[in-house]
Protein backbone atom coordinates (compact mmCIF):
# COMPACT_ATOMS: atom_id res chain seq x y z
CA MET A 1 -35.76 -151.65 29.17
CA ARG A 2 -39.02 -150.03 28.10
CA ILE A 3 -42.11 -151.71 29.62
CA THR A 4 -45.01 -151.62 27.20
CA GLY A 5 -48.67 -152.30 27.66
CA GLY A 6 -48.51 -155.43 25.52
CA LEU A 7 -50.24 -156.29 22.27
CA PRO A 8 -53.96 -156.30 21.64
CA PRO A 9 -55.43 -159.81 22.19
CA ILE A 10 -56.06 -160.31 18.48
CA CYS A 11 -52.37 -159.76 17.72
CA ILE A 12 -51.31 -162.62 19.96
CA SER A 13 -53.32 -165.17 18.00
CA LEU A 14 -52.29 -163.96 14.54
CA MET A 15 -49.21 -165.11 12.62
CA LEU A 16 -48.94 -161.61 11.12
CA VAL A 17 -47.56 -158.44 12.65
CA THR A 18 -49.48 -155.54 11.13
CA ALA A 19 -49.70 -151.84 11.74
CA ALA A 20 -52.42 -152.47 14.34
CA CYS A 21 -50.11 -154.75 16.32
CA ALA A 22 -47.09 -152.48 16.43
CA THR A 23 -46.46 -150.42 19.54
CA ARG A 24 -45.25 -147.54 17.35
CA PRO A 25 -46.38 -146.38 13.91
CA PRO A 26 -44.73 -148.68 11.37
CA ALA A 27 -42.46 -147.34 8.67
CA THR A 28 -44.39 -149.34 6.07
CA THR A 29 -47.85 -150.80 5.80
CA ALA A 30 -46.54 -154.16 4.62
CA SER A 31 -47.16 -157.08 6.94
CA VAL A 32 -44.46 -159.51 7.98
CA VAL A 33 -44.79 -163.12 9.04
CA THR A 34 -43.72 -163.92 12.61
CA ALA A 35 -43.02 -167.56 13.42
CA GLU A 36 -43.67 -169.12 16.83
CA ILE A 37 -40.90 -171.04 18.59
CA PRO A 38 -41.65 -173.03 21.76
CA ALA A 39 -39.84 -172.28 25.00
CA LEU A 40 -38.42 -175.65 26.06
CA ARG A 41 -36.96 -174.74 29.44
CA GLU A 42 -36.61 -171.80 31.80
CA THR A 43 -34.26 -170.77 34.56
CA ALA A 44 -35.16 -170.13 38.15
CA ALA A 45 -36.29 -166.55 38.72
CA VAL A 46 -33.83 -163.94 39.93
CA ALA A 47 -34.24 -162.74 43.51
CA SER A 48 -34.75 -159.06 42.72
CA GLN A 49 -38.21 -157.87 41.80
CA ARG A 50 -39.49 -155.86 38.82
CA ASP A 51 -36.99 -154.98 36.08
CA ALA A 52 -33.98 -157.03 37.23
CA ALA A 53 -32.97 -159.95 34.99
CA ASP A 54 -31.21 -158.61 31.91
CA ASP A 55 -28.56 -160.45 29.90
CA PRO A 56 -27.26 -164.05 29.52
CA ALA A 57 -24.01 -165.65 28.33
CA ILE A 58 -23.44 -169.34 27.52
CA TRP A 59 -20.49 -171.59 28.29
CA ARG A 60 -20.58 -174.86 26.31
CA ASP A 61 -18.98 -178.02 27.70
CA VAL A 62 -17.57 -179.57 24.53
CA ARG A 63 -17.08 -183.02 26.05
CA ARG A 64 -20.33 -183.19 28.03
CA PRO A 65 -22.82 -180.70 26.57
CA GLU A 66 -25.38 -181.49 29.27
CA ASN A 67 -23.00 -179.85 31.78
CA SER A 68 -22.99 -176.52 29.96
CA LEU A 69 -23.73 -173.39 31.97
CA ILE A 70 -25.60 -170.11 31.59
CA VAL A 71 -24.29 -166.98 33.32
CA ALA A 72 -26.88 -164.21 33.65
CA THR A 73 -27.29 -160.85 35.31
CA ASP A 74 -29.59 -159.65 38.03
CA LYS A 75 -28.81 -156.02 37.35
CA LYS A 76 -29.78 -155.01 40.86
CA ASP A 77 -27.60 -157.50 42.69
CA GLY A 78 -25.13 -159.72 40.81
CA LEU A 79 -24.54 -162.77 38.63
CA TYR A 80 -26.36 -166.12 38.49
CA VAL A 81 -24.98 -169.38 37.13
CA TYR A 82 -27.61 -171.84 35.87
CA GLY A 83 -27.44 -175.38 34.58
CA LEU A 84 -29.28 -176.38 31.41
CA ASP A 85 -32.03 -177.75 33.66
CA GLY A 86 -32.66 -174.16 34.69
CA LYS A 87 -31.66 -174.69 38.31
CA THR A 88 -29.42 -172.20 40.05
CA ARG A 89 -25.89 -173.57 40.36
CA GLY A 90 -24.28 -170.48 41.81
CA PHE A 91 -24.70 -166.79 42.61
CA LEU A 92 -22.25 -163.99 43.32
CA GLU A 93 -23.17 -160.61 44.74
CA ALA A 94 -21.50 -158.27 42.28
CA GLY A 95 -23.43 -155.01 42.42
CA ARG A 96 -25.36 -153.56 39.50
CA VAL A 97 -23.95 -155.59 36.62
CA ASN A 98 -26.05 -155.01 33.52
CA ASN A 99 -24.78 -156.95 30.47
CA VAL A 100 -22.49 -159.99 30.53
CA ASP A 101 -20.26 -161.93 28.13
CA LEU A 102 -17.63 -164.67 28.44
CA ARG A 103 -14.75 -166.34 26.62
CA GLY A 104 -13.13 -169.71 27.28
CA ASP A 105 -9.46 -170.61 27.09
CA VAL A 106 -8.31 -167.25 28.46
CA VAL A 107 -5.10 -167.11 30.48
CA ILE A 108 -6.16 -166.08 33.99
CA HIS A 109 -3.40 -165.74 36.59
CA GLY A 110 -1.11 -167.83 34.39
CA ALA A 111 -3.50 -170.71 33.64
CA PRO A 112 -6.25 -171.17 31.03
CA GLY A 113 -9.77 -170.57 32.28
CA VAL A 114 -13.17 -169.08 31.49
CA LEU A 115 -13.34 -165.31 31.79
CA VAL A 116 -16.71 -163.70 32.55
CA ALA A 117 -17.00 -159.93 32.17
CA ALA A 118 -19.85 -157.49 32.69
CA SER A 119 -20.72 -153.81 32.51
CA ASP A 120 -20.76 -152.46 36.07
CA ARG A 121 -23.13 -149.55 36.69
CA THR A 122 -22.93 -149.60 40.50
CA ASP A 123 -21.50 -146.09 40.26
CA ARG A 124 -23.56 -144.48 37.51
CA THR A 125 -21.04 -141.68 37.00
CA VAL A 126 -18.00 -143.96 36.57
CA GLY A 127 -18.75 -146.96 34.35
CA LYS A 128 -16.56 -150.02 34.86
CA VAL A 129 -15.79 -153.46 33.50
CA ALA A 130 -16.23 -156.14 36.17
CA LEU A 131 -14.12 -159.28 35.63
CA PHE A 132 -14.66 -162.80 37.01
CA ALA A 133 -13.26 -166.31 36.66
CA LEU A 134 -15.79 -169.13 36.21
CA ASP A 135 -14.99 -172.53 37.68
CA THR A 136 -16.92 -174.75 35.28
CA ARG A 137 -16.78 -177.78 37.62
CA THR A 138 -18.35 -176.04 40.61
CA ALA A 139 -20.20 -173.25 38.73
CA ALA A 140 -18.56 -170.76 41.12
CA LEU A 141 -17.58 -167.24 40.11
CA THR A 142 -14.55 -165.48 41.58
CA ALA A 143 -14.25 -161.71 41.30
CA LEU A 144 -11.01 -160.53 39.69
CA GLY A 145 -11.64 -156.80 39.93
CA ALA A 146 -13.48 -153.90 38.31
CA LEU A 147 -11.68 -151.42 36.05
CA PRO A 148 -12.79 -148.00 34.74
CA ALA A 149 -14.19 -147.81 31.20
CA GLN A 150 -14.37 -144.03 30.72
CA VAL A 151 -18.09 -143.99 30.05
CA GLY A 152 -20.75 -142.54 32.29
CA GLU A 153 -23.37 -145.14 33.17
CA ALA A 154 -22.10 -148.50 31.88
CA TYR A 155 -24.99 -150.15 30.05
CA GLY A 156 -24.26 -152.54 27.18
CA PHE A 157 -21.28 -154.88 27.04
CA CYS A 158 -19.58 -157.48 24.87
CA LEU A 159 -16.18 -159.12 24.48
CA TYR A 160 -14.08 -159.47 21.32
CA ARG A 161 -11.11 -161.81 20.75
CA ARG A 162 -9.00 -160.85 17.74
CA ALA A 163 -8.47 -163.87 15.48
CA ALA A 164 -4.93 -162.94 14.42
CA ASP A 165 -3.33 -163.00 17.86
CA ARG A 166 -6.19 -163.85 20.28
CA ALA A 167 -5.83 -160.48 21.99
CA LEU A 168 -8.87 -159.78 24.15
CA PHE A 169 -10.94 -156.59 24.09
CA ALA A 170 -14.14 -155.36 25.72
CA PHE A 171 -16.75 -152.91 24.47
CA VAL A 172 -18.68 -150.94 27.09
CA VAL A 173 -21.72 -149.06 25.78
CA GLY A 174 -22.69 -146.06 27.86
CA LYS A 175 -26.35 -145.27 28.27
CA ASP A 176 -25.86 -142.04 26.31
CA GLY A 177 -24.37 -143.87 23.30
CA LEU A 178 -20.67 -143.44 24.11
CA ILE A 179 -18.78 -146.68 23.37
CA SER A 180 -15.40 -147.46 24.93
CA GLN A 181 -13.16 -150.23 23.61
CA LEU A 182 -10.70 -151.58 26.16
CA SER A 183 -7.81 -154.00 25.90
CA ILE A 184 -8.09 -156.66 28.62
CA ASP A 185 -5.26 -158.62 30.26
CA VAL A 186 -5.93 -160.98 33.16
CA SER A 187 -2.83 -163.13 32.79
CA GLY A 188 -0.93 -161.57 35.67
CA PRO A 189 -1.57 -161.16 39.41
CA ALA A 190 -3.92 -158.20 38.84
CA PRO A 191 -6.19 -157.53 35.84
CA LYS A 192 -5.29 -154.71 33.48
CA ALA A 193 -7.45 -152.71 31.11
CA ALA A 194 -6.79 -149.68 28.94
CA VAL A 195 -9.15 -147.66 26.77
CA VAL A 196 -7.89 -147.92 23.18
CA ARG A 197 -10.76 -146.31 21.27
CA GLN A 198 -14.07 -144.50 21.73
CA MET A 199 -17.04 -144.10 19.37
CA LYS A 200 -20.31 -142.24 19.84
CA LEU A 201 -23.90 -142.94 18.84
CA ALA A 202 -26.41 -140.11 19.06
CA THR A 203 -28.98 -141.60 21.44
CA GLN A 204 -29.50 -144.29 24.09
CA SER A 205 -27.82 -147.57 23.13
CA GLU A 206 -27.20 -150.90 24.84
CA GLY A 207 -26.97 -154.27 23.12
CA CYS A 208 -23.74 -155.21 21.39
CA VAL A 209 -22.01 -158.31 20.04
CA ALA A 210 -18.67 -158.84 18.29
CA ASP A 211 -17.85 -161.46 15.68
CA ASP A 212 -14.42 -162.89 16.57
CA ARG A 213 -14.08 -164.44 13.08
CA THR A 214 -14.61 -161.33 10.98
CA GLY A 215 -13.67 -158.52 13.36
CA GLN A 216 -17.09 -156.83 13.12
CA LEU A 217 -18.94 -155.15 15.98
CA TYR A 218 -22.73 -154.70 16.06
CA VAL A 219 -24.37 -152.15 18.40
CA ALA A 220 -28.08 -151.47 18.94
CA GLU A 221 -29.15 -147.83 19.17
CA GLU A 222 -32.53 -148.39 20.76
CA ASP A 223 -34.79 -146.09 18.73
CA VAL A 224 -32.72 -146.11 15.55
CA GLY A 225 -31.45 -149.60 14.71
CA VAL A 226 -28.32 -151.74 14.53
CA TRP A 227 -24.95 -150.29 13.51
CA ARG A 228 -21.91 -152.21 12.30
CA PHE A 229 -18.37 -151.06 13.21
CA SER A 230 -14.93 -152.52 12.79
CA ALA A 231 -13.96 -154.21 16.06
CA ALA A 232 -10.28 -153.39 15.50
CA PRO A 233 -8.83 -150.96 18.06
CA ASP A 234 -7.68 -148.74 15.19
CA GLY A 235 -11.04 -149.01 13.40
CA GLY A 236 -12.02 -145.39 13.99
CA ASP A 237 -15.57 -144.10 14.25
CA HIS A 238 -16.88 -145.25 10.86
CA ARG A 239 -20.09 -147.28 11.03
CA ASP A 240 -22.61 -148.78 8.59
CA ALA A 241 -26.36 -148.93 9.12
CA PHE A 242 -27.02 -152.69 9.33
CA ALA A 243 -30.74 -152.75 10.25
CA LYS A 244 -33.27 -150.00 10.93
CA VAL A 245 -35.99 -149.74 13.53
CA ASP A 246 -38.86 -149.70 11.04
CA GLY A 247 -41.80 -150.56 13.31
CA VAL A 248 -42.44 -153.78 11.37
CA ARG A 249 -39.39 -156.04 11.26
CA LEU A 250 -37.66 -154.33 14.19
CA VAL A 251 -39.81 -152.47 16.71
CA ALA A 252 -38.22 -150.12 19.25
CA ASP A 253 -36.57 -150.72 21.53
CA SER A 254 -33.84 -152.46 19.57
CA GLU A 255 -32.25 -154.31 22.48
CA GLY A 256 -30.12 -157.45 22.86
CA LEU A 257 -27.98 -158.80 20.01
CA ALA A 258 -26.49 -162.26 19.43
CA ILE A 259 -24.60 -164.05 16.66
CA LEU A 260 -24.99 -167.62 15.44
CA PRO A 261 -21.79 -168.26 13.41
CA ARG A 262 -21.60 -170.54 10.35
CA GLY A 263 -18.27 -171.25 8.65
CA ARG A 264 -15.65 -168.55 8.11
CA ASN A 265 -17.93 -165.53 7.86
CA GLY A 266 -21.53 -166.74 7.58
CA GLY A 267 -24.35 -167.17 10.02
CA TYR A 268 -26.97 -164.88 11.50
CA LEU A 269 -27.44 -161.85 13.69
CA VAL A 270 -30.46 -161.96 15.99
CA GLY A 271 -31.87 -158.82 17.58
CA SER A 272 -34.52 -158.39 20.24
CA SER A 273 -37.48 -156.43 18.84
CA GLN A 274 -38.57 -155.43 22.32
CA GLY A 275 -41.53 -153.28 21.30
CA ASP A 276 -43.54 -156.27 20.07
CA SER A 277 -41.80 -159.05 22.04
CA ALA A 278 -40.22 -160.67 18.99
CA TYR A 279 -36.78 -161.37 17.49
CA ALA A 280 -35.51 -160.42 14.02
CA VAL A 281 -32.87 -162.36 12.05
CA TRP A 282 -30.40 -161.13 9.42
CA ASN A 283 -27.69 -162.78 7.32
CA LEU A 284 -24.23 -161.76 8.46
CA ARG A 285 -22.65 -162.00 4.99
CA ASP A 286 -24.91 -159.57 3.17
CA GLY A 287 -27.20 -158.10 5.86
CA ALA A 288 -30.30 -159.60 4.23
CA TYR A 289 -33.36 -159.86 6.47
CA ARG A 290 -34.29 -163.54 6.96
CA GLY A 291 -37.37 -163.46 9.17
CA ARG A 292 -38.61 -163.01 12.70
CA PHE A 293 -40.11 -165.09 15.49
CA ARG A 294 -41.60 -165.05 18.95
CA ILE A 295 -40.89 -167.41 21.84
CA VAL A 296 -44.21 -168.89 22.96
CA ALA A 297 -45.44 -171.02 25.86
CA HIS A 298 -44.91 -174.76 25.72
CA GLY A 299 -45.37 -177.59 28.21
CA GLY A 300 -45.79 -175.41 31.27
CA VAL A 301 -43.04 -172.94 30.33
CA ASP A 302 -44.35 -169.51 29.38
CA GLY A 303 -43.06 -167.47 26.46
CA THR A 304 -41.05 -164.27 26.54
CA SER A 305 -42.02 -160.62 26.44
CA ASP A 306 -40.14 -157.30 26.48
CA THR A 307 -36.82 -159.10 26.05
CA ASP A 308 -33.61 -157.28 26.94
CA GLY A 309 -30.60 -159.58 26.49
CA VAL A 310 -30.24 -162.60 24.18
CA GLU A 311 -27.46 -165.09 23.54
CA ILE A 312 -26.96 -167.96 21.07
CA ALA A 313 -24.32 -170.69 21.04
CA ALA A 314 -23.71 -173.17 18.23
CA GLY A 315 -23.08 -176.87 18.72
CA ASP A 316 -24.69 -179.79 20.50
CA PHE A 317 -26.33 -179.03 23.85
CA GLY A 318 -28.09 -182.36 24.29
CA PRO A 319 -31.33 -183.90 22.96
CA ASP A 320 -33.45 -180.75 23.34
CA PHE A 321 -30.85 -178.46 21.78
CA PRO A 322 -28.91 -180.56 19.24
CA GLY A 323 -28.24 -177.72 16.79
CA GLY A 324 -27.56 -174.84 19.17
CA LEU A 325 -29.04 -173.07 22.17
CA MET A 326 -30.70 -169.66 22.40
CA VAL A 327 -31.33 -168.00 25.77
CA ALA A 328 -33.56 -164.92 26.10
CA GLN A 329 -34.50 -162.74 29.03
CA ASP A 330 -38.20 -162.71 29.88
CA GLY A 331 -39.50 -159.35 31.00
CA ASP A 332 -42.75 -160.74 32.44
CA ASN A 333 -42.52 -164.05 34.27
CA SER A 334 -45.54 -163.40 36.50
CA PRO A 335 -46.30 -164.28 39.21
CA GLN A 336 -42.59 -164.84 39.81
CA ALA A 337 -39.73 -162.43 39.20
CA GLN A 338 -38.07 -162.22 35.79
CA ASN A 339 -36.02 -165.11 34.40
CA PHE A 340 -34.54 -166.54 31.18
CA LYS A 341 -36.05 -168.91 28.61
CA MET A 342 -34.26 -171.54 26.48
CA VAL A 343 -35.16 -172.48 22.91
CA SER A 344 -33.69 -174.78 20.26
CA TRP A 345 -31.85 -172.89 17.53
CA ARG A 346 -32.64 -175.77 15.18
CA ALA A 347 -36.35 -174.97 15.67
CA VAL A 348 -35.65 -171.36 14.62
CA GLU A 349 -33.75 -172.50 11.52
CA LYS A 350 -36.57 -174.83 10.52
CA ALA A 351 -39.31 -172.25 11.07
CA LEU A 352 -37.50 -169.55 9.07
CA GLY A 353 -36.00 -171.82 6.43
CA LEU A 354 -32.46 -170.77 7.27
CA ARG A 355 -30.67 -173.96 6.27
C-alpha cells in the first residue's frame, strides 16, 4: 500500500475530482463526478499497528443473512472473523497473510464446508497459499496447511471455481508481477496444490478477482491498470487491457478488485483508486466505465482512505444491506488501528444509476 499525504481540503468538499485533486498528474484535463456513499458500519480495529489491515472476504448465510461473516487479514499477524455488527467473532494467528478469498460448498476432508484461502508472505522468498476451514456456526478458523506457490513474495490472491466441473483454482500474485495459478484439492486427509500455469506482468501487482461464471480473471498492476486474462489453466499468457490508470478515473495505486455479478455474464467490476481514496466501477460485459464514488463518514462511522482490499457480495444481508454488501479496508482509522468499513451496494447503484 502506498501512503499518501491526502487531498487538499478543498478537494474533500467538492463533488468533482480535478487535476488539482489528483495525487499524480492526470492523463486528461476532463473532470469526473465522484459520488459519496455513507459508511453504515465498521469492524473492530485489527491489533497490529500502522499498515496492517488489508483484504476482506464475505460469507453469506443464505437462510439467515444477519448471521453472515466477514473474514479479513491482519497482514502482520493472521485472520479475523467479524459479524455484520462489526464485532470480532474469531481470530487465528496465521503469520503474514496478505490477501484472502473464500468459497462455500467445498469438499473439505470428505464433507462440504467453507474454504478460506490466503496469500502467505511469512517467508518472502517462498510464497505460499495458506488454507483454512471456516466453521460458520462458531466463526472459528482451522488451519489446513500452507503450500508453495512458486512466486517470490506472495502478495495478491483470489480463488476461481470453474463452472463446468466446479474444479477449484487459486491465483497468487507475486509482488514483482509474477502470477501463479494452482489447482487446489482439500477433499482428502491433506491438502494438495499444483502450479498449472504462470503469467507475468511487468511491474508491482496485487489485487485480483476471478469471475466463476465467465472464466475471466482480473489483475491490478498498480501503476498501470487492470488486466483481463482467461482464468482457464490452459489460458496462456494473453491479456487484455481492461482499465488504465489515467489519474482521473483510476488513480495509482490500482489496488483491490471485486465483482458484483448480475445474471449469466453481467454486473460490475469495482477497483480501489487508492491514490485519491475512491472506487471506480466498470461494466463487466463491455468494459464501459460507469462511475466512481468515495465512502464517507456517517453516523459516527468514518469514511475510508488509501484502501487496499475490497469485496462485494450480492443478495440480502439484512435491512441495512438489502441489495448487497461491500466491505473496504480503511487505511486511516485514527486514533485506532486500521479496520474495514461496510456500505450498501444498493446505495452505490442508486448514486451511479447502475440499475
